[in-house]
Amino acid sequence: MSDVITAIVAVAVVLGFMILIHEWGHYAAAKLLGVRVEVFSIGFGKRLFGLRRGETDYRVSAIPLGGYVKMSGENPMDERTGDPGEFLSHPRWHRFIIAIAGPAMNILLAIGLLTGVYMVHFEYPVFLDRPAVIAGIRHDSAAAKAGLQPGDRIVRIEDVENPTWEQVYFKVVLNPNQPVNVTVKRGDQTFQRQIVPKAVTASQVGSAGWYGDESVIVGDLEPNMPAEKAGLKEGDKIVAMDGKPLPSIDAMIERLQQTQDKPVDLTVLRDGQTIQVQVRPVLASTEDPSEKRYRIGFQNRAEMKVTSLPFVQALNRSLDDNKKNSVLILQLVERLVERKISIRAVSGPIGIAQDAGEAAQQKGWTPLLELTSGISLNLGIFNLLPIPILDGGVILLLFVESIMRRDISLRIKERIYQAAFVFLVLFAMMVIYNDVAKLLPGLAGRLP
């Protein structure tokens, strides 16, 4: 119960802050340019409480799913009086600045938060920066069907030359059931193959079935599962199973399916000492609702490199990471539109609440700030999409009107906004439904 309360409080604080920053961007730009702001609201619907200062009603409303700034004459259906304080009385470049100010604030916040985090505590998985050399391949996977072997190095995947495992990961995840071209080097030979990643987990993301050389480190332990009962602890590094080295968590998962419910001997490094632990796997649920497999019950924790960066390096790294994540968000949107990836890959408020709750329970404040940065970037990019009602839709209509050299008729705008509103409501319902559906099968993640 405490985990649920933590998740609710964390997501309320994070989303509330994101909305406040976004709407403040619109508000500040409108005030600066002389547009009268009638309402500044956190939430929609009935006004719960607030205060009126000057010409603006600052309020908290009943439905906590966003917020808005209401400017005089902003609604195309409102009667225009020609008052210079009305939104539509201002030139298009003023309206463009006001529209883009909200998403811009979210993007700037994402950059600023990551910069601050990296100056204090910069960590990243060591494994992801390594060249994509295959350490093992799952039986009957896309990689196995393509004839790939352990020791092969991926020297190109789609348009990326000499990719790291991180680049390979995102190319595969975003292309479930879609052909992906790879170029592989084996010894002195270089050849091309085409793989079709399998859609896996409740999110239906792509999996090629290959894995690299990655440490097996015990993360969260599942209650009443064999790993906990055998005495494994968070931070334990499992280096061998039945005397054979473990190159990655995927190799461990594969071997557990072969040994099934027979006891296995694990060689574990703990506090500089080597110990032996015997564990008996059990057949249990996984991240895929249609699959059960033999598991011992823990989440793998990546081996991290931890340091801190000076301001300039932290800012440059933050800019690079936000640029990379922006591209990934747009690629996800593109594949959703093309129906090449499932809508299940998108998280809604329930999924965000889960992530926020988990981040809030971790040690230190950096995990929650990193998540807040990611949500802020997503909110900024999403609001720039050319969908009417969203800021990107307002910008698109301003661009069209600039080309036409006249305003679009109010009747057409009204129909556009009505259609966009219905689309956004249906999209929100679908995302929330998917969040609920993903909760039912069990845990998401890589669970040995």
Protein backbone atom coordinates (compact mmCIF):
# COMPACT_ATOMS: atom_id res chain seq x y z
CA MET A 1 0.00 0.00 0.00
CA SER A 2 2.88 2.37 0.84
CA ASP A 3 4.33 1.79 -2.66
CA VAL A 4 1.03 2.87 -4.22
CA ILE A 5 0.90 6.03 -2.08
CA THR A 6 4.52 6.81 -2.96
CA ALA A 7 3.76 6.39 -6.67
CA ILE A 8 0.68 8.63 -6.49
CA VAL A 9 2.52 11.37 -4.58
CA ALA A 10 5.57 11.16 -6.85
CA VAL A 11 3.60 11.35 -10.10
CA ALA A 12 1.44 14.19 -8.75
CA VAL A 13 4.53 16.23 -7.86
CA VAL A 14 6.38 15.45 -11.11
CA LEU A 15 3.45 16.02 -13.50
CA GLY A 16 2.24 19.03 -11.54
CA PHE A 17 5.67 20.61 -11.81
CA MET A 18 5.90 19.81 -15.54
CA ILE A 19 2.50 21.37 -16.21
CA LEU A 20 3.33 24.42 -14.10
CA ILE A 21 6.55 25.02 -16.05
CA HIS A 22 4.82 24.49 -19.41
CA GLU A 23 1.93 26.81 -18.72
CA TRP A 24 4.22 29.40 -17.14
CA GLY A 25 6.05 29.56 -20.48
CA HIS A 26 2.81 30.49 -22.26
CA TYR A 27 1.86 32.88 -19.46
CA ALA A 28 5.20 34.71 -19.39
CA ALA A 29 5.32 35.10 -23.18
CA ALA A 30 1.73 36.37 -23.27
CA LYS A 31 2.36 38.90 -20.51
CA LEU A 32 5.58 40.04 -22.15
CA LEU A 33 3.81 40.66 -25.46
CA GLY A 34 0.79 42.40 -23.93
CA VAL A 35 -1.82 39.66 -24.24
CA ARG A 36 -4.37 39.60 -21.40
CA VAL A 37 -4.35 36.31 -19.45
CA GLU A 38 -7.73 35.51 -17.89
CA VAL A 39 -7.01 32.08 -16.33
CA PHE A 40 -3.88 30.19 -15.26
CA SER A 41 -5.06 26.70 -14.30
CA ILE A 42 -3.42 23.52 -13.05
CA GLY A 43 -5.93 20.86 -14.10
CA PHE A 44 -9.16 21.07 -16.09
CA GLY A 45 -12.83 21.31 -15.25
CA LYS A 46 -14.40 22.84 -12.15
CA ARG A 47 -12.38 25.38 -10.19
CA LEU A 48 -11.44 23.97 -6.76
CA PHE A 49 -9.52 26.88 -5.26
CA GLY A 50 -7.17 29.69 -6.18
CA LEU A 51 -6.76 33.42 -6.09
CA ARG A 52 -7.40 36.34 -8.41
CA ARG A 53 -4.65 38.86 -8.87
CA GLY A 54 -5.15 41.66 -11.32
CA GLU A 55 -6.77 40.39 -14.51
CA THR A 56 -5.78 36.74 -13.96
CA ASP A 57 -7.50 33.93 -12.02
CA TYR A 58 -4.82 31.54 -10.72
CA ARG A 59 -6.60 28.28 -9.96
CA VAL A 60 -6.36 24.56 -9.29
CA SER A 61 -9.11 22.62 -11.09
CA ALA A 62 -10.80 19.28 -10.47
CA ILE A 63 -9.35 17.09 -13.25
CA PRO A 64 -5.57 16.73 -12.71
CA LEU A 65 -4.71 15.74 -16.29
CA GLY A 66 -2.85 18.79 -17.53
CA GLY A 67 -3.46 22.50 -17.31
CA TYR A 68 -4.06 25.55 -19.43
CA VAL A 69 -3.65 29.29 -19.82
CA LYS A 70 -6.79 31.10 -21.04
CA MET A 71 -6.02 34.29 -22.95
CA SER A 72 -8.58 36.87 -24.01
CA GLY A 73 -9.90 36.20 -27.49
CA GLU A 74 -7.81 33.03 -27.83
CA ASN A 75 -10.74 30.81 -28.82
CA PRO A 76 -11.56 31.34 -32.52
CA MET A 77 -15.26 30.94 -31.65
CA ASP A 78 -15.13 33.87 -29.20
CA GLU A 79 -16.47 37.20 -30.37
CA ARG A 80 -13.65 39.53 -31.36
CA THR A 81 -13.83 43.12 -30.13
CA GLY A 82 -10.53 44.37 -31.53
CA ASP A 83 -9.19 44.95 -28.01
CA PRO A 84 -5.35 45.08 -28.26
CA GLY A 85 -5.16 42.74 -25.25
CA GLU A 86 -6.85 39.92 -27.20
CA PHE A 87 -4.74 37.05 -28.50
CA LEU A 88 -6.02 37.25 -32.09
CA SER A 89 -5.42 41.00 -32.19
CA HIS A 90 -1.69 40.36 -32.10
CA PRO A 91 0.49 39.61 -35.15
CA ARG A 92 1.16 36.01 -36.04
CA TRP A 93 4.78 36.14 -34.86
CA HIS A 94 3.55 37.13 -31.39
CA ARG A 95 1.14 34.19 -31.38
CA PHE A 96 3.94 31.89 -32.56
CA ILE A 97 6.20 32.94 -29.65
CA ILE A 98 3.38 32.40 -27.15
CA ALA A 99 2.57 28.96 -28.60
CA ILE A 100 6.15 27.72 -28.65
CA ALA A 101 7.07 29.14 -25.23
CA GLY A 102 5.41 26.27 -23.31
CA PRO A 103 7.20 23.37 -25.06
CA ALA A 104 10.42 25.41 -25.06
CA MET A 105 10.28 25.71 -21.27
CA ASN A 106 9.86 21.93 -20.93
CA ILE A 107 12.82 21.26 -23.21
CA LEU A 108 15.00 23.83 -21.42
CA LEU A 109 14.00 22.30 -18.08
CA ALA A 110 14.98 18.83 -19.31
CA ILE A 111 18.40 20.15 -20.33
CA GLY A 112 18.85 22.08 -17.09
CA LEU A 113 17.85 19.19 -14.83
CA LEU A 114 20.19 16.71 -16.51
CA THR A 115 23.02 19.23 -16.40
CA GLY A 116 22.54 19.65 -12.64
CA VAL A 117 22.32 15.89 -12.08
CA TYR A 118 25.46 15.21 -14.11
CA MET A 119 27.42 17.82 -12.16
CA VAL A 120 26.62 15.95 -8.94
CA HIS A 121 26.20 12.31 -9.93
CA PHE A 122 26.83 11.15 -13.50
CA GLU A 123 26.39 7.44 -14.05
CA TYR A 124 25.76 5.28 -17.07
CA PRO A 125 25.85 1.55 -17.88
CA VAL A 126 29.36 0.55 -18.93
CA PHE A 127 27.96 -2.17 -21.20
CA LEU A 128 26.02 0.18 -23.49
CA ASP A 129 29.09 2.08 -24.70
CA ARG A 130 30.90 -1.07 -25.81
CA PRO A 131 31.17 -2.22 -29.47
CA ALA A 132 28.35 -4.58 -30.48
CA VAL A 133 30.19 -7.91 -30.25
CA ILE A 134 27.75 -10.80 -29.85
CA ALA A 135 28.49 -12.94 -26.78
CA GLY A 136 25.54 -15.28 -27.22
CA ILE A 137 22.33 -15.93 -29.12
CA ARG A 138 19.01 -17.23 -27.87
CA HIS A 139 17.67 -20.42 -29.36
CA ASP A 140 15.10 -19.94 -32.13
CA SER A 141 15.51 -16.13 -32.10
CA ALA A 142 15.69 -13.73 -35.04
CA ALA A 143 19.49 -13.65 -34.75
CA ALA A 144 19.68 -17.46 -34.69
CA LYS A 145 17.46 -17.74 -37.78
CA ALA A 146 19.76 -15.28 -39.60
CA GLY A 147 22.73 -17.57 -38.94
CA LEU A 148 24.58 -15.22 -36.59
CA GLN A 149 27.03 -16.67 -34.07
CA PRO A 150 28.77 -15.72 -30.83
CA GLY A 151 31.89 -13.68 -31.62
CA ASP A 152 30.28 -11.87 -34.56
CA ARG A 153 30.63 -8.10 -34.45
CA ILE A 154 27.82 -5.89 -35.75
CA VAL A 155 29.62 -3.25 -37.83
CA ARG A 156 26.45 -1.68 -39.24
CA ILE A 157 22.77 -1.72 -38.38
CA GLU A 158 20.49 0.15 -40.77
CA ASP A 159 22.18 3.57 -41.16
CA VAL A 160 24.49 3.38 -38.12
CA GLU A 161 28.16 2.50 -38.70
CA ASN A 162 30.15 0.72 -35.95
CA PRO A 163 27.26 0.91 -33.46
CA THR A 164 27.48 0.56 -29.71
CA TRP A 165 25.11 -1.79 -27.91
CA GLU A 166 22.95 1.20 -27.00
CA GLN A 167 22.47 2.11 -30.68
CA VAL A 168 21.76 -1.52 -31.56
CA TYR A 169 19.26 -1.79 -28.73
CA PHE A 170 17.11 1.13 -29.89
CA LYS A 171 17.18 0.05 -33.54
CA VAL A 172 15.84 -3.36 -32.53
CA VAL A 173 13.34 -2.20 -29.90
CA LEU A 174 11.66 0.24 -32.32
CA ASN A 175 11.27 -2.35 -35.09
CA PRO A 176 9.20 -5.30 -33.82
CA ASN A 177 8.19 -7.64 -36.65
CA GLN A 178 9.97 -5.33 -39.13
CA PRO A 179 13.05 -6.27 -41.21
CA VAL A 180 16.31 -4.77 -39.95
CA ASN A 181 19.46 -4.85 -42.09
CA VAL A 182 22.72 -5.64 -40.33
CA THR A 183 26.29 -6.00 -41.51
CA VAL A 184 28.37 -8.45 -39.49
CA LYS A 185 32.11 -9.12 -39.31
CA ARG A 186 33.21 -12.69 -38.51
CA GLY A 187 36.96 -13.11 -38.47
CA ASP A 188 38.19 -11.74 -41.82
CA GLN A 189 34.77 -12.01 -43.44
CA THR A 190 32.09 -9.31 -43.63
CA PHE A 191 28.54 -10.18 -44.69
CA GLN A 192 25.02 -8.79 -44.59
CA ARG A 193 21.96 -10.29 -42.98
CA GLN A 194 18.36 -9.25 -42.44
CA ILE A 195 16.71 -9.98 -39.11
CA VAL A 196 13.07 -9.57 -38.07
CA PRO A 197 12.95 -8.76 -34.33
CA LYS A 198 10.25 -10.60 -32.43
CA ALA A 199 7.64 -8.52 -30.54
CA VAL A 200 8.11 -9.32 -26.85
CA THR A 201 6.84 -8.23 -23.40
CA ALA A 202 3.54 -6.53 -22.67
CA SER A 203 4.85 -3.45 -24.52
CA GLN A 204 5.36 -5.44 -27.74
CA VAL A 205 8.85 -4.06 -28.41
CA GLY A 206 11.43 -5.72 -30.65
CA SER A 207 13.95 -8.38 -29.59
CA ALA A 208 16.67 -9.82 -31.85
CA GLY A 209 17.73 -12.53 -29.41
CA TRP A 210 21.43 -11.62 -29.34
CA TYR A 211 23.30 -10.36 -26.31
CA GLY A 212 26.67 -8.92 -25.45
CA ASP A 213 29.19 -9.38 -22.67
CA GLU A 214 27.43 -7.83 -19.66
CA SER A 215 27.95 -8.40 -15.94
CA VAL A 216 25.23 -10.22 -14.02
CA ILE A 217 24.55 -8.14 -10.90
CA VAL A 218 21.63 -8.80 -8.56
CA GLY A 219 19.20 -5.88 -8.40
CA ASP A 220 15.71 -5.99 -6.89
CA LEU A 221 14.88 -9.39 -5.36
CA GLU A 222 11.36 -10.76 -5.69
CA PRO A 223 9.81 -11.84 -2.38
CA ASN A 224 9.48 -15.58 -1.76
CA MET A 225 11.45 -16.50 -4.88
CA PRO A 226 14.45 -18.89 -4.88
CA ALA A 227 17.10 -16.13 -5.12
CA GLU A 228 15.88 -14.46 -1.93
CA LYS A 229 15.43 -17.78 -0.11
CA ALA A 230 18.97 -18.86 -1.08
CA GLY A 231 20.46 -15.73 0.48
CA LEU A 232 21.43 -13.73 -2.59
CA LYS A 233 21.73 -9.99 -1.87
CA GLU A 234 21.45 -6.83 -3.95
CA GLY A 235 24.83 -5.99 -5.43
CA ASP A 236 26.00 -9.62 -5.66
CA LYS A 237 27.89 -10.26 -8.90
CA ILE A 238 27.21 -13.73 -10.37
CA VAL A 239 30.27 -14.74 -12.40
CA ALA A 240 29.56 -18.41 -13.08
CA MET A 241 26.77 -20.99 -13.09
CA ASP A 242 27.63 -24.65 -12.54
CA GLY A 243 31.28 -23.72 -13.05
CA LYS A 244 30.74 -22.09 -16.47
CA PRO A 245 31.32 -18.32 -16.83
CA LEU A 246 28.24 -16.12 -17.37
CA PRO A 247 28.80 -13.51 -20.12
CA SER A 248 25.41 -11.84 -19.55
CA ILE A 249 22.02 -12.05 -17.90
CA ASP A 250 20.61 -13.42 -21.17
CA ALA A 251 23.04 -16.33 -21.03
CA MET A 252 21.82 -17.09 -17.52
CA ILE A 253 18.20 -17.01 -18.65
CA GLU A 254 19.02 -19.42 -21.49
CA ARG A 255 20.82 -21.87 -19.21
CA LEU A 256 18.01 -21.85 -16.66
CA GLN A 257 15.64 -23.07 -19.37
CA GLN A 258 17.98 -26.01 -19.96
CA THR A 259 18.47 -26.97 -16.30
CA GLN A 260 14.79 -26.28 -15.57
CA ASP A 261 13.97 -27.09 -11.91
CA LYS A 262 17.30 -28.77 -11.12
CA PRO A 263 19.45 -26.99 -8.49
CA VAL A 264 22.22 -24.81 -9.94
CA ASP A 265 25.45 -23.72 -8.27
CA LEU A 266 26.20 -19.99 -8.58
CA THR A 267 29.64 -18.48 -8.08
CA VAL A 268 29.09 -15.07 -6.49
CA LEU A 269 31.37 -12.13 -5.76
CA ARG A 270 30.30 -10.28 -2.62
CA ASP A 271 32.39 -7.58 -0.93
CA GLY A 272 35.56 -8.85 -2.57
CA GLN A 273 34.99 -12.47 -1.54
CA THR A 274 33.90 -15.45 -3.64
CA ILE A 275 31.06 -17.58 -2.28
CA GLN A 276 29.00 -20.47 -3.60
CA VAL A 277 25.19 -20.37 -3.57
CA GLN A 278 22.87 -23.18 -4.63
CA VAL A 279 19.47 -22.22 -6.04
CA ARG A 280 16.57 -24.30 -7.38
CA PRO A 281 14.74 -22.45 -10.24
CA VAL A 282 10.93 -22.43 -10.43
CA LEU A 283 8.57 -22.03 -13.37
CA ALA A 284 7.19 -18.50 -13.00
CA SER A 285 5.60 -15.60 -14.87
CA THR A 286 7.70 -13.20 -16.92
CA GLU A 287 7.38 -9.79 -18.53
CA ASP A 288 5.57 -11.49 -21.44
CA PRO A 289 1.96 -12.36 -20.46
CA SER A 290 1.96 -15.35 -22.80
CA GLU A 291 5.15 -16.89 -21.42
CA LYS A 292 6.37 -18.65 -18.33
CA ARG A 293 9.95 -19.71 -17.83
CA TYR A 294 12.31 -21.09 -15.21
CA ARG A 295 13.53 -18.27 -13.01
CA ILE A 296 15.18 -17.61 -9.66
CA GLY A 297 13.64 -14.18 -9.08
CA PHE A 298 15.70 -11.01 -9.40
CA GLN A 299 16.10 -8.08 -11.75
CA ASN A 300 19.51 -7.58 -13.28
CA ARG A 301 21.27 -4.34 -12.40
CA ALA A 302 23.64 -2.86 -14.93
CA GLU A 303 27.27 -2.28 -14.00
CA MET A 304 27.54 1.48 -13.77
CA LYS A 305 30.39 3.95 -14.17
CA VAL A 306 29.90 6.72 -11.60
CA THR A 307 31.55 10.12 -11.62
CA SER A 308 30.70 13.84 -11.68
CA LEU A 309 31.21 16.29 -14.52
CA PRO A 310 32.24 19.96 -14.56
CA PHE A 311 29.58 22.38 -15.78
CA VAL A 312 30.63 22.60 -19.45
CA GLN A 313 30.97 18.82 -19.83
CA ALA A 314 27.70 18.26 -17.95
CA LEU A 315 25.89 20.75 -20.21
CA ASN A 316 27.34 19.19 -23.39
CA ARG A 317 26.41 15.69 -22.22
CA SER A 318 22.91 16.88 -21.32
CA LEU A 319 22.49 18.48 -24.74
CA ASP A 320 23.70 15.30 -26.46
CA ASP A 321 21.42 13.04 -24.41
CA ASN A 322 18.36 15.25 -24.92
CA LYS A 323 19.06 15.46 -28.65
CA LYS A 324 19.38 11.67 -28.85
CA ASN A 325 16.19 11.15 -26.81
CA SER A 326 14.29 13.68 -28.94
CA VAL A 327 15.20 11.72 -32.07
CA LEU A 328 14.04 8.49 -30.40
CA ILE A 329 10.70 10.07 -29.42
CA LEU A 330 10.12 11.24 -32.99
CA GLN A 331 11.10 7.82 -34.36
CA LEU A 332 8.60 6.21 -31.98
CA VAL A 333 5.87 8.59 -33.17
CA GLU A 334 6.75 7.86 -36.80
CA ARG A 335 6.52 4.11 -36.26
CA LEU A 336 3.24 4.48 -34.40
CA VAL A 337 1.79 6.42 -37.34
CA GLU A 338 3.13 3.82 -39.77
CA ARG A 339 1.72 1.07 -37.50
CA LYS A 340 5.15 -0.55 -37.30
CA ILE A 341 5.11 -0.60 -33.49
CA SER A 342 2.32 -1.23 -31.02
CA ILE A 343 0.62 1.55 -29.06
CA ARG A 344 1.55 -0.59 -26.05
CA ALA A 345 5.06 0.86 -26.30
CA VAL A 346 3.63 4.19 -25.06
CA SER A 347 3.19 4.75 -21.32
CA GLY A 348 0.30 6.78 -19.95
CA PRO A 349 -0.32 8.26 -16.50
CA ILE A 350 -0.39 4.86 -14.79
CA GLY A 351 2.91 3.81 -16.37
CA ILE A 352 4.45 7.16 -15.46
CA ALA A 353 3.18 6.76 -11.90
CA GLN A 354 4.88 3.36 -11.67
CA ASP A 355 8.17 4.79 -12.92
CA ALA A 356 7.92 7.80 -10.61
CA GLY A 357 7.18 5.59 -7.62
CA GLU A 358 10.17 3.36 -8.36
CA ALA A 359 12.44 6.39 -8.84
CA ALA A 360 11.22 7.97 -5.60
CA GLN A 361 12.06 4.80 -3.66
CA GLN A 362 15.64 4.63 -4.94
CA LYS A 363 18.49 6.04 -2.91
CA GLY A 364 19.20 9.71 -3.50
CA TRP A 365 17.28 12.29 -5.48
CA THR A 366 19.02 11.88 -8.86
CA PRO A 367 16.82 9.01 -10.19
CA LEU A 368 13.64 11.07 -9.73
CA LEU A 369 15.25 14.16 -11.28
CA GLU A 370 16.42 12.13 -14.28
CA LEU A 371 12.89 10.77 -14.73
CA THR A 372 11.47 14.30 -14.39
CA SER A 373 13.87 15.47 -17.10
CA GLY A 374 12.74 12.67 -19.41
CA ILE A 375 9.05 13.39 -18.82
CA SER A 376 9.63 17.10 -19.40
CA LEU A 377 11.34 16.39 -22.72
CA ASN A 378 8.52 14.05 -23.77
CA LEU A 379 5.92 16.67 -22.84
CA GLY A 380 7.75 19.35 -24.80
CA ILE A 381 8.16 17.21 -27.92
CA PHE A 382 4.59 15.86 -27.75
CA ASN A 383 3.14 19.37 -27.55
CA LEU A 384 5.08 20.35 -30.68
CA LEU A 385 3.37 17.66 -32.76
CA PRO A 386 1.19 19.25 -35.48
CA ILE A 387 -2.10 18.28 -33.86
CA PRO A 388 -4.71 21.06 -33.47
CA ILE A 389 -5.38 22.03 -29.82
CA LEU A 390 -1.74 21.19 -29.05
CA ASP A 391 0.85 23.95 -29.37
CA GLY A 392 2.26 22.34 -32.51
CA GLY A 393 -1.19 22.51 -34.10
CA VAL A 394 -1.46 26.22 -33.32
CA ILE A 395 1.96 26.75 -34.89
CA LEU A 396 0.93 24.72 -37.97
CA LEU A 397 -2.22 26.79 -38.48
CA LEU A 398 -0.21 30.01 -38.07
CA PHE A 399 2.21 28.75 -40.73
CA VAL A 400 -0.67 27.89 -43.10
CA GLU A 401 -2.26 31.31 -42.54
CA SER A 402 1.08 33.01 -43.23
CA ILE A 403 1.30 31.22 -46.59
CA MET A 404 -2.35 32.05 -47.38
CA ARG A 405 -1.84 35.66 -46.19
CA ARG A 406 -5.22 35.51 -44.45
CA ASP A 407 -6.84 33.82 -41.46
CA ILE A 408 -8.53 30.44 -41.83
CA SER A 409 -12.30 30.81 -41.43
CA LEU A 410 -13.65 30.38 -37.91
CA ARG A 411 -16.02 27.61 -39.04
CA ILE A 412 -13.16 25.51 -40.43
CA LYS A 413 -11.07 26.10 -37.30
CA GLU A 414 -13.98 25.04 -35.13
CA ARG A 415 -14.33 21.74 -37.02
CA ILE A 416 -10.58 21.13 -36.86
CA TYR A 417 -10.48 21.68 -33.10
CA GLN A 418 -13.50 19.45 -32.52
CA ALA A 419 -11.96 16.60 -34.51
CA ALA A 420 -8.62 17.04 -32.75
CA PHE A 421 -10.29 17.01 -29.33
CA VAL A 422 -12.05 13.71 -30.11
CA PHE A 423 -8.76 12.23 -31.36
CA LEU A 424 -6.87 13.25 -28.21
CA VAL A 425 -9.59 11.88 -25.91
CA LEU A 426 -9.59 8.53 -27.76
CA PHE A 427 -5.78 8.43 -27.71
CA ALA A 428 -5.72 9.12 -23.96
CA MET A 429 -8.30 6.38 -23.31
CA MET A 430 -6.28 3.92 -25.39
CA VAL A 431 -3.04 4.71 -23.56
CA ILE A 432 -4.69 4.38 -20.14
CA TYR A 433 -6.26 1.06 -21.21
CA ASN A 434 -2.84 -0.20 -22.27
CA ASP A 435 -1.36 0.88 -18.93
CA VAL A 436 -3.98 -1.20 -17.13
CA ALA A 437 -3.47 -4.16 -19.48
CA LYS A 438 0.29 -4.10 -18.88
CA LEU A 439 -0.25 -4.13 -15.13
CA LEU A 440 -2.21 -7.37 -15.17
CA PRO A 441 0.36 -9.85 -16.53
CA GLY A 442 3.10 -9.02 -14.00
CA LEU A 443 6.45 -7.31 -13.88
CA ALA A 444 8.11 -5.70 -16.85
CA GLY A 445 11.86 -5.94 -17.31
CA ARG A 446 14.46 -8.63 -17.68
CA LEU A 447 13.65 -11.16 -15.01
CA PRO A 448 15.87 -14.24 -14.54
